[in-house]
Amino acid sequence: SFNRGQRDSLSQQFKERAIEALHKFKIWEKLEDLKINGWLDKVNFDNNENPLQIVLREAGVNNRGDRLMVIGTLSFILNLNERNIIKWSVEEIKNGKIKEVYKQLDNIPYIGDKLASFYIRDVVDLYELEPFISSDDLIFTQPIDTWVRQICSKLGIISEKFLTKQNLSKSELLEIKQAIIRTCERLKVSPIKFNQGAWYIGFYGIDFTK
């Protein structure tokens, strides 16, 4: 979740610092007390006495957004059965509640559409959940980033106008997702596998035209 526009090396560094700090803090022993005392609430996030803020700052997690994301994620996990986000996601998707999974993840500070969709896409793939997803709900498995846009444009799935904008609106993102799904359904290709492949090809600069 730290990979949100930062360099991969920097994201990895922040992630390792945060995890090490939370282990030293013995987060799982203190999580209930933190919730009772309001330290997992967004309104108390910037309070200088917030122990999670203190431990993350001391560990060198300097970006406020990263710290807010960590605390928001802990607050979210605390309300899940067994505090297991994977198990919860799989059960919800099997029960036809993929939209609810997306909404809950998107609601965590600094997660957003792309990260929520990346996570859902790969959970669906790893646990072979695609048969449980309706055609309309496949949009929640389609993260759209620069690489996916570039490959879709080269294949003629979307127009070049989507490549020139830095930040796409929700309606534009939806338009791209629906175009991918329609094309994959017409060609009898898994939209999830296509999205993964498009990202891989784009990220590693593979020439697929040969």
N, C-alpha and C. Protein backbone atom coordinates (compact mmCIF):
# COMPACT_ATOMS: atom_id res chain seq x y z
N SER A 1 0.81 -1.22 0.00
CA SER A 1 0.00 0.00 0.00
C SER A 1 0.84 1.26 0.00
N PHE A 2 2.12 1.13 0.27
CA PHE A 2 2.99 2.31 0.28
C PHE A 2 3.33 2.74 -1.14
N ASN A 3 3.07 1.86 -2.12
CA ASN A 3 3.39 2.20 -3.51
C ASN A 3 2.28 3.07 -4.09
N ARG A 4 2.34 4.34 -3.81
CA ARG A 4 1.30 5.25 -4.30
C ARG A 4 1.96 6.51 -4.85
N GLY A 5 2.66 6.33 -5.96
CA GLY A 5 3.30 7.46 -6.60
C GLY A 5 4.72 7.72 -6.12
N GLN A 6 5.17 6.90 -5.16
CA GLN A 6 6.55 7.06 -4.68
C GLN A 6 7.46 6.08 -5.43
N ARG A 7 8.76 6.33 -5.39
CA ARG A 7 9.70 5.37 -5.97
C ARG A 7 9.57 4.04 -5.25
N ASP A 8 9.74 2.94 -5.98
CA ASP A 8 9.61 1.61 -5.37
C ASP A 8 10.56 1.44 -4.19
N SER A 9 11.79 1.91 -4.34
CA SER A 9 12.78 1.75 -3.26
C SER A 9 12.36 2.52 -2.02
N LEU A 10 11.79 3.71 -2.22
CA LEU A 10 11.33 4.53 -1.10
C LEU A 10 10.12 3.89 -0.43
N SER A 11 9.21 3.38 -1.24
CA SER A 11 8.01 2.72 -0.70
C SER A 11 8.40 1.51 0.14
N GLN A 12 9.35 0.73 -0.36
CA GLN A 12 9.81 -0.46 0.36
C GLN A 12 10.46 -0.05 1.69
N GLN A 13 11.20 1.02 1.66
CA GLN A 13 11.87 1.51 2.86
C GLN A 13 10.85 1.93 3.92
N PHE A 14 9.84 2.67 3.52
CA PHE A 14 8.80 3.11 4.46
C PHE A 14 8.03 1.91 5.01
N LYS A 15 7.75 0.95 4.14
CA LYS A 15 7.00 -0.24 4.57
C LYS A 15 7.79 -1.01 5.63
N GLU A 16 9.07 -1.24 5.38
CA GLU A 16 9.90 -1.98 6.32
C GLU A 16 10.02 -1.25 7.65
N ARG A 17 10.17 0.07 7.58
CA ARG A 17 10.26 0.86 8.82
C ARG A 17 8.97 0.77 9.63
N ALA A 18 7.84 0.87 8.93
CA ALA A 18 6.54 0.83 9.61
C ALA A 18 6.31 -0.52 10.27
N ILE A 19 6.59 -1.60 9.55
CA ILE A 19 6.37 -2.95 10.09
C ILE A 19 7.28 -3.21 11.29
N GLU A 20 8.54 -2.83 11.17
CA GLU A 20 9.48 -3.02 12.28
C GLU A 20 9.03 -2.23 13.51
N ALA A 21 8.58 -1.00 13.29
CA ALA A 21 8.13 -0.15 14.41
C ALA A 21 6.90 -0.75 15.09
N LEU A 22 5.96 -1.25 14.31
CA LEU A 22 4.74 -1.82 14.88
C LEU A 22 5.02 -3.10 15.65
N HIS A 23 5.98 -3.89 15.17
CA HIS A 23 6.37 -5.10 15.90
C HIS A 23 7.00 -4.73 17.25
N LYS A 24 7.90 -3.77 17.23
CA LYS A 24 8.55 -3.34 18.48
C LYS A 24 7.51 -2.76 19.45
N PHE A 25 6.53 -2.09 18.90
CA PHE A 25 5.47 -1.47 19.70
C PHE A 25 4.50 -2.52 20.25
N LYS A 26 4.59 -3.77 19.71
CA LYS A 26 3.69 -4.87 20.07
C LYS A 26 2.24 -4.47 19.79
N ILE A 27 2.02 -4.09 18.52
CA ILE A 27 0.76 -3.52 18.11
C ILE A 27 -0.43 -4.42 18.40
N TRP A 28 -0.28 -5.74 18.21
CA TRP A 28 -1.44 -6.62 18.36
C TRP A 28 -1.89 -6.74 19.81
N GLU A 29 -0.96 -6.51 20.74
CA GLU A 29 -1.33 -6.55 22.16
C GLU A 29 -2.05 -5.26 22.57
N LYS A 30 -1.83 -4.19 21.83
CA LYS A 30 -2.32 -2.87 22.24
C LYS A 30 -3.47 -2.33 21.38
N LEU A 31 -3.86 -3.10 20.37
CA LEU A 31 -4.80 -2.58 19.38
C LEU A 31 -6.15 -2.23 20.00
N GLU A 32 -6.68 -3.09 20.85
CA GLU A 32 -7.98 -2.82 21.47
C GLU A 32 -7.93 -1.55 22.32
N ASP A 33 -6.86 -1.40 23.10
CA ASP A 33 -6.73 -0.21 23.95
C ASP A 33 -6.61 1.05 23.11
N LEU A 34 -5.89 0.95 22.00
CA LEU A 34 -5.75 2.11 21.11
C LEU A 34 -7.12 2.55 20.58
N LYS A 35 -7.94 1.56 20.23
CA LYS A 35 -9.28 1.88 19.72
C LYS A 35 -10.13 2.52 20.83
N ILE A 36 -10.10 1.92 22.02
CA ILE A 36 -10.90 2.43 23.14
C ILE A 36 -10.52 3.87 23.45
N ASN A 37 -9.22 4.17 23.39
CA ASN A 37 -8.74 5.52 23.71
C ASN A 37 -8.84 6.50 22.55
N GLY A 38 -9.35 6.02 21.41
CA GLY A 38 -9.60 6.91 20.27
C GLY A 38 -8.40 7.19 19.40
N TRP A 39 -7.28 6.46 19.60
CA TRP A 39 -6.07 6.75 18.84
C TRP A 39 -6.13 6.22 17.40
N LEU A 40 -7.14 5.40 17.09
CA LEU A 40 -7.31 4.93 15.72
C LEU A 40 -8.30 5.79 14.94
N ASP A 41 -8.87 6.78 15.61
CA ASP A 41 -9.83 7.68 14.96
C ASP A 41 -9.10 8.76 14.16
N LYS A 42 -9.61 9.04 12.98
CA LYS A 42 -8.97 10.04 12.11
C LYS A 42 -8.91 11.41 12.77
N VAL A 43 -9.92 11.73 13.60
CA VAL A 43 -9.96 13.06 14.23
C VAL A 43 -8.83 13.24 15.23
N ASN A 44 -8.31 12.14 15.75
CA ASN A 44 -7.21 12.22 16.72
C ASN A 44 -5.85 11.95 16.09
N PHE A 45 -5.84 11.85 14.77
CA PHE A 45 -4.61 11.44 14.10
C PHE A 45 -3.46 12.41 14.34
N ASP A 46 -3.73 13.70 14.25
CA ASP A 46 -2.66 14.69 14.35
C ASP A 46 -2.34 15.11 15.78
N ASN A 47 -2.97 14.49 16.74
CA ASN A 47 -2.66 14.77 18.15
C ASN A 47 -1.23 14.32 18.45
N ASN A 48 -0.42 15.23 18.95
CA ASN A 48 0.99 14.91 19.21
C ASN A 48 1.19 13.83 20.26
N GLU A 49 0.13 13.51 21.01
CA GLU A 49 0.22 12.46 22.02
C GLU A 49 -0.20 11.09 21.49
N ASN A 50 -0.62 11.04 20.23
CA ASN A 50 -1.03 9.77 19.64
C ASN A 50 0.17 8.83 19.61
N PRO A 51 0.13 7.71 20.34
CA PRO A 51 1.30 6.82 20.42
C PRO A 51 1.70 6.21 19.09
N LEU A 52 0.73 5.98 18.20
CA LEU A 52 1.07 5.42 16.89
C LEU A 52 1.80 6.45 16.04
N GLN A 53 1.37 7.70 16.12
CA GLN A 53 2.09 8.76 15.41
C GLN A 53 3.54 8.82 15.90
N ILE A 54 3.70 8.75 17.21
CA ILE A 54 5.04 8.87 17.81
C ILE A 54 5.95 7.74 17.34
N VAL A 55 5.45 6.49 17.41
CA VAL A 55 6.30 5.35 17.08
C VAL A 55 6.64 5.32 15.59
N LEU A 56 5.70 5.74 14.73
CA LEU A 56 5.96 5.75 13.29
C LEU A 56 6.92 6.88 12.92
N ARG A 57 6.76 8.04 13.55
CA ARG A 57 7.69 9.15 13.30
C ARG A 57 9.11 8.76 13.72
N GLU A 58 9.23 8.18 14.90
CA GLU A 58 10.55 7.79 15.41
C GLU A 58 11.21 6.75 14.51
N ALA A 59 10.39 5.94 13.83
CA ALA A 59 10.94 4.92 12.92
C ALA A 59 11.33 5.50 11.57
N GLY A 60 11.00 6.77 11.34
CA GLY A 60 11.38 7.42 10.09
C GLY A 60 10.33 7.34 9.00
N VAL A 61 9.08 7.00 9.39
CA VAL A 61 7.98 7.06 8.42
C VAL A 61 7.51 8.51 8.39
N ASN A 62 8.18 9.29 7.57
CA ASN A 62 8.06 10.75 7.64
C ASN A 62 6.84 11.31 6.91
N ASN A 63 6.32 10.56 5.95
CA ASN A 63 5.21 11.05 5.15
C ASN A 63 3.90 10.92 5.93
N ARG A 64 3.21 12.04 6.09
CA ARG A 64 1.95 12.03 6.86
C ARG A 64 0.94 11.08 6.26
N GLY A 65 0.87 11.05 4.92
CA GLY A 65 -0.08 10.18 4.25
C GLY A 65 0.19 8.71 4.55
N ASP A 66 1.48 8.34 4.59
CA ASP A 66 1.84 6.96 4.92
C ASP A 66 1.39 6.59 6.33
N ARG A 67 1.61 7.51 7.27
CA ARG A 67 1.23 7.24 8.66
C ARG A 67 -0.29 7.13 8.80
N LEU A 68 -1.00 8.02 8.11
CA LEU A 68 -2.46 8.00 8.17
C LEU A 68 -3.00 6.71 7.55
N MET A 69 -2.36 6.26 6.49
CA MET A 69 -2.77 5.02 5.84
C MET A 69 -2.57 3.82 6.78
N VAL A 70 -1.44 3.79 7.49
CA VAL A 70 -1.16 2.70 8.42
C VAL A 70 -2.21 2.65 9.52
N ILE A 71 -2.49 3.79 10.11
CA ILE A 71 -3.46 3.84 11.21
C ILE A 71 -4.86 3.52 10.71
N GLY A 72 -5.22 4.01 9.53
CA GLY A 72 -6.52 3.71 8.96
C GLY A 72 -6.69 2.23 8.66
N THR A 73 -5.61 1.59 8.19
CA THR A 73 -5.65 0.16 7.90
C THR A 73 -5.81 -0.66 9.18
N LEU A 74 -5.09 -0.27 10.23
CA LEU A 74 -5.22 -0.96 11.52
C LEU A 74 -6.64 -0.84 12.06
N SER A 75 -7.21 0.32 11.94
CA SER A 75 -8.59 0.53 12.39
C SER A 75 -9.55 -0.35 11.62
N PHE A 76 -9.33 -0.47 10.32
CA PHE A 76 -10.18 -1.30 9.47
C PHE A 76 -10.06 -2.78 9.84
N ILE A 77 -8.83 -3.27 9.98
CA ILE A 77 -8.58 -4.68 10.27
C ILE A 77 -9.15 -5.09 11.62
N LEU A 78 -9.13 -4.17 12.56
CA LEU A 78 -9.61 -4.47 13.92
C LEU A 78 -11.07 -4.93 13.93
N ASN A 79 -11.84 -4.48 12.94
CA ASN A 79 -13.26 -4.81 12.89
C ASN A 79 -13.57 -6.07 12.09
N LEU A 80 -12.53 -6.75 11.58
CA LEU A 80 -12.74 -7.95 10.77
C LEU A 80 -12.66 -9.21 11.62
N ASN A 81 -13.37 -10.26 11.19
CA ASN A 81 -13.24 -11.55 11.85
C ASN A 81 -11.80 -12.04 11.77
N GLU A 82 -11.26 -12.43 12.90
CA GLU A 82 -9.89 -12.95 13.00
C GLU A 82 -8.85 -11.91 12.55
N ARG A 83 -9.29 -10.69 12.32
CA ARG A 83 -8.38 -9.62 11.85
C ARG A 83 -7.59 -10.06 10.61
N ASN A 84 -8.29 -10.77 9.73
CA ASN A 84 -7.65 -11.35 8.55
C ASN A 84 -8.28 -10.74 7.30
N ILE A 85 -7.58 -9.81 6.68
CA ILE A 85 -8.15 -9.07 5.55
C ILE A 85 -8.31 -9.96 4.32
N ILE A 86 -7.42 -10.94 4.14
CA ILE A 86 -7.52 -11.84 3.00
C ILE A 86 -8.76 -12.72 3.14
N LYS A 87 -8.91 -13.36 4.31
CA LYS A 87 -10.04 -14.25 4.53
C LYS A 87 -11.36 -13.50 4.38
N TRP A 88 -11.43 -12.30 4.94
CA TRP A 88 -12.63 -11.47 4.82
C TRP A 88 -12.93 -11.17 3.37
N SER A 89 -11.91 -10.78 2.60
CA SER A 89 -12.11 -10.44 1.19
C SER A 89 -12.64 -11.62 0.40
N VAL A 90 -12.03 -12.78 0.59
CA VAL A 90 -12.45 -13.98 -0.14
C VAL A 90 -13.90 -14.34 0.18
N GLU A 91 -14.25 -14.31 1.45
CA GLU A 91 -15.62 -14.65 1.85
C GLU A 91 -16.63 -13.66 1.28
N GLU A 92 -16.31 -12.38 1.33
CA GLU A 92 -17.22 -11.36 0.81
C GLU A 92 -17.41 -11.50 -0.70
N ILE A 93 -16.33 -11.74 -1.41
CA ILE A 93 -16.40 -11.87 -2.88
C ILE A 93 -17.21 -13.12 -3.25
N LYS A 94 -17.00 -14.21 -2.53
CA LYS A 94 -17.78 -15.43 -2.79
C LYS A 94 -19.27 -15.21 -2.56
N ASN A 95 -19.59 -14.29 -1.66
CA ASN A 95 -20.99 -13.99 -1.35
C ASN A 95 -21.55 -12.85 -2.21
N GLY A 96 -20.83 -12.51 -3.27
CA GLY A 96 -21.32 -11.50 -4.20
C GLY A 96 -21.19 -10.08 -3.72
N LYS A 97 -20.27 -9.85 -2.77
CA LYS A 97 -20.14 -8.51 -2.18
C LYS A 97 -18.81 -7.85 -2.54
N ILE A 98 -18.38 -8.04 -3.78
CA ILE A 98 -17.11 -7.46 -4.20
C ILE A 98 -17.16 -5.93 -4.17
N LYS A 99 -18.32 -5.36 -4.45
CA LYS A 99 -18.46 -3.90 -4.41
C LYS A 99 -18.24 -3.39 -2.99
N GLU A 100 -18.73 -4.13 -2.01
CA GLU A 100 -18.55 -3.75 -0.61
C GLU A 100 -17.08 -3.81 -0.22
N VAL A 101 -16.37 -4.83 -0.70
CA VAL A 101 -14.93 -4.94 -0.44
C VAL A 101 -14.22 -3.71 -1.00
N TYR A 102 -14.55 -3.37 -2.25
CA TYR A 102 -13.95 -2.21 -2.90
C TYR A 102 -14.22 -0.94 -2.10
N LYS A 103 -15.47 -0.73 -1.71
CA LYS A 103 -15.83 0.49 -0.98
C LYS A 103 -15.08 0.61 0.35
N GLN A 104 -14.99 -0.51 1.06
CA GLN A 104 -14.31 -0.50 2.36
C GLN A 104 -12.82 -0.17 2.20
N LEU A 105 -12.20 -0.77 1.19
CA LEU A 105 -10.77 -0.50 0.95
C LEU A 105 -10.55 0.93 0.48
N ASP A 106 -11.41 1.37 -0.43
CA ASP A 106 -11.30 2.72 -0.98
C ASP A 106 -11.47 3.78 0.10
N ASN A 107 -12.15 3.43 1.17
CA ASN A 107 -12.42 4.35 2.26
C ASN A 107 -11.22 4.52 3.20
N ILE A 108 -10.25 3.61 3.12
CA ILE A 108 -9.04 3.74 3.94
C ILE A 108 -8.21 4.91 3.38
N PRO A 109 -7.75 5.81 4.23
CA PRO A 109 -7.00 6.97 3.74
C PRO A 109 -5.84 6.60 2.82
N TYR A 110 -5.77 7.25 1.68
CA TYR A 110 -4.69 7.13 0.71
C TYR A 110 -4.63 5.78 -0.01
N ILE A 111 -5.71 4.99 0.05
CA ILE A 111 -5.74 3.77 -0.75
C ILE A 111 -6.26 4.12 -2.15
N GLY A 112 -7.54 4.45 -2.26
CA GLY A 112 -8.06 4.91 -3.55
C GLY A 112 -8.36 3.79 -4.53
N ASP A 113 -8.83 4.19 -5.70
CA ASP A 113 -9.31 3.23 -6.70
C ASP A 113 -8.23 2.28 -7.17
N LYS A 114 -7.07 2.81 -7.51
CA LYS A 114 -6.04 1.95 -8.13
C LYS A 114 -5.54 0.87 -7.17
N LEU A 115 -5.21 1.25 -5.94
CA LEU A 115 -4.69 0.27 -4.99
C LEU A 115 -5.76 -0.73 -4.58
N ALA A 116 -6.99 -0.26 -4.38
CA ALA A 116 -8.08 -1.17 -4.03
C ALA A 116 -8.31 -2.18 -5.15
N SER A 117 -8.29 -1.71 -6.39
CA SER A 117 -8.52 -2.59 -7.54
C SER A 117 -7.35 -3.56 -7.75
N PHE A 118 -6.12 -3.09 -7.54
CA PHE A 118 -4.95 -3.97 -7.62
C PHE A 118 -5.09 -5.13 -6.64
N TYR A 119 -5.43 -4.79 -5.41
CA TYR A 119 -5.56 -5.80 -4.37
C TYR A 119 -6.67 -6.80 -4.72
N ILE A 120 -7.84 -6.30 -5.08
CA ILE A 120 -8.96 -7.17 -5.40
C ILE A 120 -8.64 -8.05 -6.60
N ARG A 121 -8.04 -7.45 -7.63
CA ARG A 121 -7.68 -8.23 -8.83
C ARG A 121 -6.84 -9.44 -8.49
N ASP A 122 -5.81 -9.22 -7.67
CA ASP A 122 -4.88 -10.31 -7.38
C ASP A 122 -5.45 -11.33 -6.40
N VAL A 123 -6.31 -10.88 -5.48
CA VAL A 123 -7.00 -11.84 -4.60
C VAL A 123 -7.92 -12.73 -5.43
N VAL A 124 -8.66 -12.12 -6.34
CA VAL A 124 -9.56 -12.88 -7.21
C VAL A 124 -8.77 -13.90 -8.02
N ASP A 125 -7.62 -13.49 -8.52
CA ASP A 125 -6.80 -14.39 -9.33
C ASP A 125 -6.21 -15.52 -8.48
N LEU A 126 -5.61 -15.17 -7.36
CA LEU A 126 -4.94 -16.18 -6.52
C LEU A 126 -5.91 -17.21 -5.96
N TYR A 127 -7.12 -16.77 -5.63
CA TYR A 127 -8.09 -17.68 -5.01
C TYR A 127 -9.16 -18.14 -6.00
N GLU A 128 -8.91 -17.90 -7.30
CA GLU A 128 -9.78 -18.39 -8.39
C GLU A 128 -11.24 -18.03 -8.15
N LEU A 129 -11.49 -16.74 -7.94
CA LEU A 129 -12.82 -16.26 -7.60
C LEU A 129 -13.58 -15.64 -8.77
N GLU A 130 -12.98 -15.65 -9.94
CA GLU A 130 -13.63 -14.99 -11.08
C GLU A 130 -15.04 -15.54 -11.36
N PRO A 131 -15.30 -16.85 -11.18
CA PRO A 131 -16.66 -17.35 -11.43
C PRO A 131 -17.72 -16.74 -10.50
N PHE A 132 -17.29 -16.15 -9.39
CA PHE A 132 -18.23 -15.56 -8.44
C PHE A 132 -18.57 -14.10 -8.77
N ILE A 133 -17.94 -13.56 -9.82
CA ILE A 133 -18.08 -12.13 -10.12
C ILE A 133 -18.93 -11.93 -11.37
N SER A 134 -19.91 -11.05 -11.25
CA SER A 134 -20.75 -10.74 -12.41
C SER A 134 -19.99 -9.85 -13.38
N SER A 135 -20.49 -9.77 -14.60
CA SER A 135 -19.85 -8.95 -15.62
C SER A 135 -19.76 -7.49 -15.19
N ASP A 136 -20.84 -7.00 -14.57
CA ASP A 136 -20.87 -5.60 -14.13
C ASP A 136 -19.85 -5.32 -13.03
N ASP A 137 -19.59 -6.31 -12.18
CA ASP A 137 -18.68 -6.12 -11.05
C ASP A 137 -17.21 -6.31 -11.39
N LEU A 138 -16.92 -6.71 -12.62
CA LEU A 138 -15.52 -6.87 -13.02
C LEU A 138 -14.75 -5.55 -13.00
N ILE A 139 -15.47 -4.43 -12.99
CA ILE A 139 -14.78 -3.13 -12.95
C ILE A 139 -13.94 -2.98 -11.68
N PHE A 140 -14.30 -3.70 -10.62
CA PHE A 140 -13.57 -3.59 -9.36
C PHE A 140 -12.27 -4.40 -9.38
N THR A 141 -12.03 -5.11 -10.48
CA THR A 141 -10.79 -5.88 -10.62
C THR A 141 -9.84 -5.25 -11.64
N GLN A 142 -10.13 -4.00 -12.01
CA GLN A 142 -9.37 -3.36 -13.09
C GLN A 142 -8.63 -2.10 -12.63
N PRO A 143 -7.43 -2.27 -12.04
CA PRO A 143 -6.63 -1.08 -11.73
C PRO A 143 -6.12 -0.45 -13.03
N ILE A 144 -6.22 0.86 -13.11
CA ILE A 144 -5.77 1.56 -14.32
C ILE A 144 -4.61 2.48 -13.96
N ASP A 145 -3.44 2.17 -14.51
CA ASP A 145 -2.28 3.04 -14.32
C ASP A 145 -1.68 3.37 -15.67
N THR A 146 -0.54 4.02 -15.66
CA THR A 146 0.11 4.45 -16.92
C THR A 146 0.37 3.28 -17.85
N TRP A 147 0.86 2.16 -17.28
CA TRP A 147 1.25 1.02 -18.11
C TRP A 147 0.03 0.38 -18.77
N VAL A 148 -1.02 0.19 -18.01
CA VAL A 148 -2.23 -0.41 -18.57
C VAL A 148 -2.82 0.50 -19.65
N ARG A 149 -2.81 1.80 -19.40
CA ARG A 149 -3.32 2.74 -20.40
C ARG A 149 -2.52 2.66 -21.70
N GLN A 150 -1.20 2.61 -21.56
CA GLN A 150 -0.34 2.57 -22.75
C GLN A 150 -0.61 1.33 -23.59
N ILE A 151 -0.71 0.18 -22.97
CA ILE A 151 -0.94 -1.06 -23.70
C ILE A 151 -2.33 -1.06 -24.33
N CYS A 152 -3.32 -0.58 -23.58
CA CYS A 152 -4.68 -0.52 -24.12
C CYS A 152 -4.76 0.41 -25.32
N SER A 153 -4.02 1.49 -25.29
CA SER A 153 -4.00 2.41 -26.42
C SER A 153 -3.35 1.77 -27.64
N LYS A 154 -2.22 1.07 -27.41
CA LYS A 154 -1.52 0.40 -28.52
C LYS A 154 -2.40 -0.66 -29.18
N LEU A 155 -3.23 -1.30 -28.38
CA LEU A 155 -4.10 -2.36 -28.89
C LEU A 155 -5.40 -1.81 -29.47
N GLY A 156 -5.61 -0.49 -29.34
CA GLY A 156 -6.81 0.12 -29.88
C GLY A 156 -8.05 -0.05 -29.01
N ILE A 157 -7.84 -0.46 -27.76
CA ILE A 157 -8.98 -0.64 -26.84
C ILE A 157 -9.50 0.71 -26.37
N ILE A 158 -8.58 1.66 -26.18
CA ILE A 158 -8.97 3.02 -25.80
C ILE A 158 -8.29 4.01 -26.74
N SER A 159 -8.82 5.22 -26.80
CA SER A 159 -8.23 6.24 -27.67
C SER A 159 -7.03 6.90 -27.00
N GLU A 160 -6.23 7.58 -27.80
CA GLU A 160 -5.01 8.22 -27.29
C GLU A 160 -5.29 9.36 -26.32
N LYS A 161 -6.52 9.87 -26.33
CA LYS A 161 -6.85 10.99 -25.44
C LYS A 161 -6.64 10.62 -23.98
N PHE A 162 -6.72 9.33 -23.65
CA PHE A 162 -6.56 8.90 -22.26
C PHE A 162 -5.09 8.86 -21.83
N LEU A 163 -4.18 9.01 -22.77
CA LEU A 163 -2.75 8.97 -22.44
C LEU A 163 -2.20 10.32 -22.05
N THR A 164 -2.86 11.37 -22.46
CA THR A 164 -2.30 12.72 -22.28
C THR A 164 -2.62 13.32 -20.92
N LYS A 165 -3.60 12.77 -20.22
CA LYS A 165 -4.02 13.34 -18.94
C LYS A 165 -3.29 12.67 -17.79
N GLN A 166 -2.79 13.48 -16.87
CA GLN A 166 -2.10 12.96 -15.69
C GLN A 166 -3.09 12.32 -14.73
N ASN A 167 -4.17 13.02 -14.44
CA ASN A 167 -5.18 12.53 -13.51
C ASN A 167 -6.51 12.35 -14.23
N LEU A 168 -7.01 11.12 -14.22
CA LEU A 168 -8.27 10.83 -14.88
C LEU A 168 -9.42 10.99 -13.91
N SER A 169 -10.56 11.43 -14.42
CA SER A 169 -11.76 11.53 -13.60
C SER A 169 -12.33 10.13 -13.36
N LYS A 170 -13.25 10.02 -12.42
CA LYS A 170 -13.88 8.72 -12.14
C LYS A 170 -14.61 8.19 -13.37
N SER A 171 -15.26 9.09 -14.10
CA SER A 171 -15.99 8.66 -15.30
C SER A 171 -15.03 8.17 -16.39
N GLU A 172 -13.86 8.79 -16.49
CA GLU A 172 -12.86 8.36 -17.48
C GLU A 172 -12.26 7.01 -17.10
N LEU A 173 -11.98 6.83 -15.81
CA LEU A 173 -11.49 5.53 -15.34
C LEU A 173 -12.50 4.43 -15.64
N LEU A 174 -13.76 4.72 -15.35
CA LEU A 174 -14.82 3.75 -15.60
C LEU A 174 -14.92 3.41 -17.08
N GLU A 175 -14.76 4.42 -17.92
CA GLU A 175 -14.83 4.20 -19.37
C GLU A 175 -13.73 3.26 -19.84
N ILE A 176 -12.52 3.43 -19.30
CA ILE A 176 -11.40 2.56 -19.67
C ILE A 176 -11.66 1.14 -19.17
N LYS A 177 -12.09 1.01 -17.93
CA LYS A 177 -12.36 -0.31 -17.36
C LYS A 177 -13.42 -1.05 -18.18
N GLN A 178 -14.48 -0.36 -18.53
CA GLN A 178 -15.55 -1.00 -19.29
C GLN A 178 -15.09 -1.38 -20.69
N ALA A 179 -14.22 -0.57 -21.29
CA ALA A 179 -13.69 -0.89 -22.62
C ALA A 179 -12.85 -2.17 -22.57
N ILE A 180 -12.04 -2.30 -21.53
CA ILE A 180 -11.22 -3.52 -21.35
C ILE A 180 -12.12 -4.74 -21.20
N ILE A 181 -13.12 -4.63 -20.34
CA ILE A 181 -14.01 -5.76 -20.06
C ILE A 181 -14.77 -6.17 -21.31
N ARG A 182 -15.30 -5.19 -22.04
CA ARG A 182 -16.05 -5.50 -23.28
C ARG A 182 -15.16 -6.22 -24.28
N THR A 183 -13.94 -5.72 -24.46
CA THR A 183 -13.02 -6.32 -25.42
C THR A 183 -12.66 -7.75 -25.01
N CYS A 184 -12.38 -7.94 -23.74
CA CYS A 184 -12.00 -9.28 -23.26
C CYS A 184 -13.16 -10.26 -23.38
N GLU A 185 -14.36 -9.81 -23.07
CA GLU A 185 -15.52 -10.69 -23.19
C GLU A 185 -15.77 -11.07 -24.64
N ARG A 186 -15.56 -10.11 -25.54
CA ARG A 186 -15.76 -10.40 -26.97
C ARG A 186 -14.74 -11.43 -27.47
N LEU A 187 -13.52 -11.33 -26.95
CA LEU A 187 -12.44 -12.23 -27.39
C LEU A 187 -12.31 -13.47 -26.49
N LYS A 188 -13.23 -13.58 -25.50
CA LYS A 188 -13.21 -14.71 -24.57
C LYS A 188 -11.86 -14.82 -23.83
N VAL A 189 -11.42 -13.67 -23.33
CA VAL A 189 -10.19 -13.58 -22.56
C VAL A 189 -10.55 -13.08 -21.16
N SER A 190 -9.89 -13.59 -20.13
CA SER A 190 -10.14 -13.12 -18.77
C SER A 190 -9.69 -11.66 -18.63
N PRO A 191 -10.58 -10.74 -18.26
CA PRO A 191 -10.18 -9.35 -18.04
C PRO A 191 -9.12 -9.22 -16.95
N ILE A 192 -9.16 -10.11 -15.99
CA ILE A 192 -8.20 -10.06 -14.88
C ILE A 192 -6.81 -10.44 -15.38
N LYS A 193 -6.74 -11.54 -16.15
CA LYS A 193 -5.44 -11.95 -16.71
C LYS A 193 -4.92 -10.89 -17.68
N PHE A 194 -5.84 -10.30 -18.45
CA PHE A 194 -5.40 -9.26 -19.38
C PHE A 194 -4.81 -8.08 -18.63
N ASN A 195 -5.48 -7.64 -17.58
CA ASN A 195 -4.99 -6.48 -16.82
C ASN A 195 -3.62 -6.76 -16.25
N GLN A 196 -3.44 -7.95 -15.68
CA GLN A 196 -2.13 -8.31 -15.14
C GLN A 196 -1.06 -8.31 -16.22
N GLY A 197 -1.40 -8.89 -17.36
CA GLY A 197 -0.45 -8.96 -18.47
C GLY A 197 -0.12 -7.60 -19.04
N ALA A 198 -1.14 -6.75 -19.16
CA ALA A 198 -0.91 -5.40 -19.70
C ALA A 198 0.04 -4.62 -18.80
N TRP A 199 -0.18 -4.73 -17.47
CA TRP A 199 0.72 -4.04 -16.54
C TRP A 199 2.14 -4.58 -16.68
N TYR A 200 2.28 -5.88 -16.74
CA TYR A 200 3.61 -6.51 -16.80
C TYR A 200 4.35 -6.09 -18.06
N ILE A 201 3.66 -6.16 -19.19
CA ILE A 201 4.27 -5.78 -20.47
C ILE A 201 4.66 -4.30 -20.47
N GLY A 202 3.76 -3.46 -19.96
CA GLY A 202 4.04 -2.03 -19.95
C GLY A 202 5.17 -1.68 -19.00
N PHE A 203 5.14 -2.25 -17.80
CA PHE A 203 6.14 -1.92 -16.79
C PHE A 203 7.55 -2.34 -17.22
N TYR A 204 7.65 -3.54 -17.86
CA TYR A 204 8.96 -4.03 -18.25
C TYR A 204 9.33 -3.69 -19.68
N GLY A 205 8.48 -2.91 -20.35
CA GLY A 205 8.80 -2.44 -21.71
C GLY A 205 8.95 -3.54 -22.71
N ILE A 206 8.17 -4.59 -22.61
CA ILE A 206 8.25 -5.73 -23.53
C ILE A 206 7.57 -5.38 -24.85
N ASP A 207 8.26 -5.66 -25.94
CA ASP A 207 7.69 -5.40 -27.26
C ASP A 207 6.83 -6.60 -27.66
N PHE A 208 5.53 -6.44 -27.57
CA PHE A 208 4.63 -7.55 -27.86
C PHE A 208 4.15 -7.55 -29.31
N THR A 209 4.70 -6.63 -30.11
CA THR A 209 4.25 -6.52 -31.51
C THR A 209 5.03 -7.44 -32.44
N LYS A 210 6.11 -8.02 -31.94
CA LYS A 210 6.93 -8.87 -32.80
C LYS A 210 6.25 -10.22 -33.04
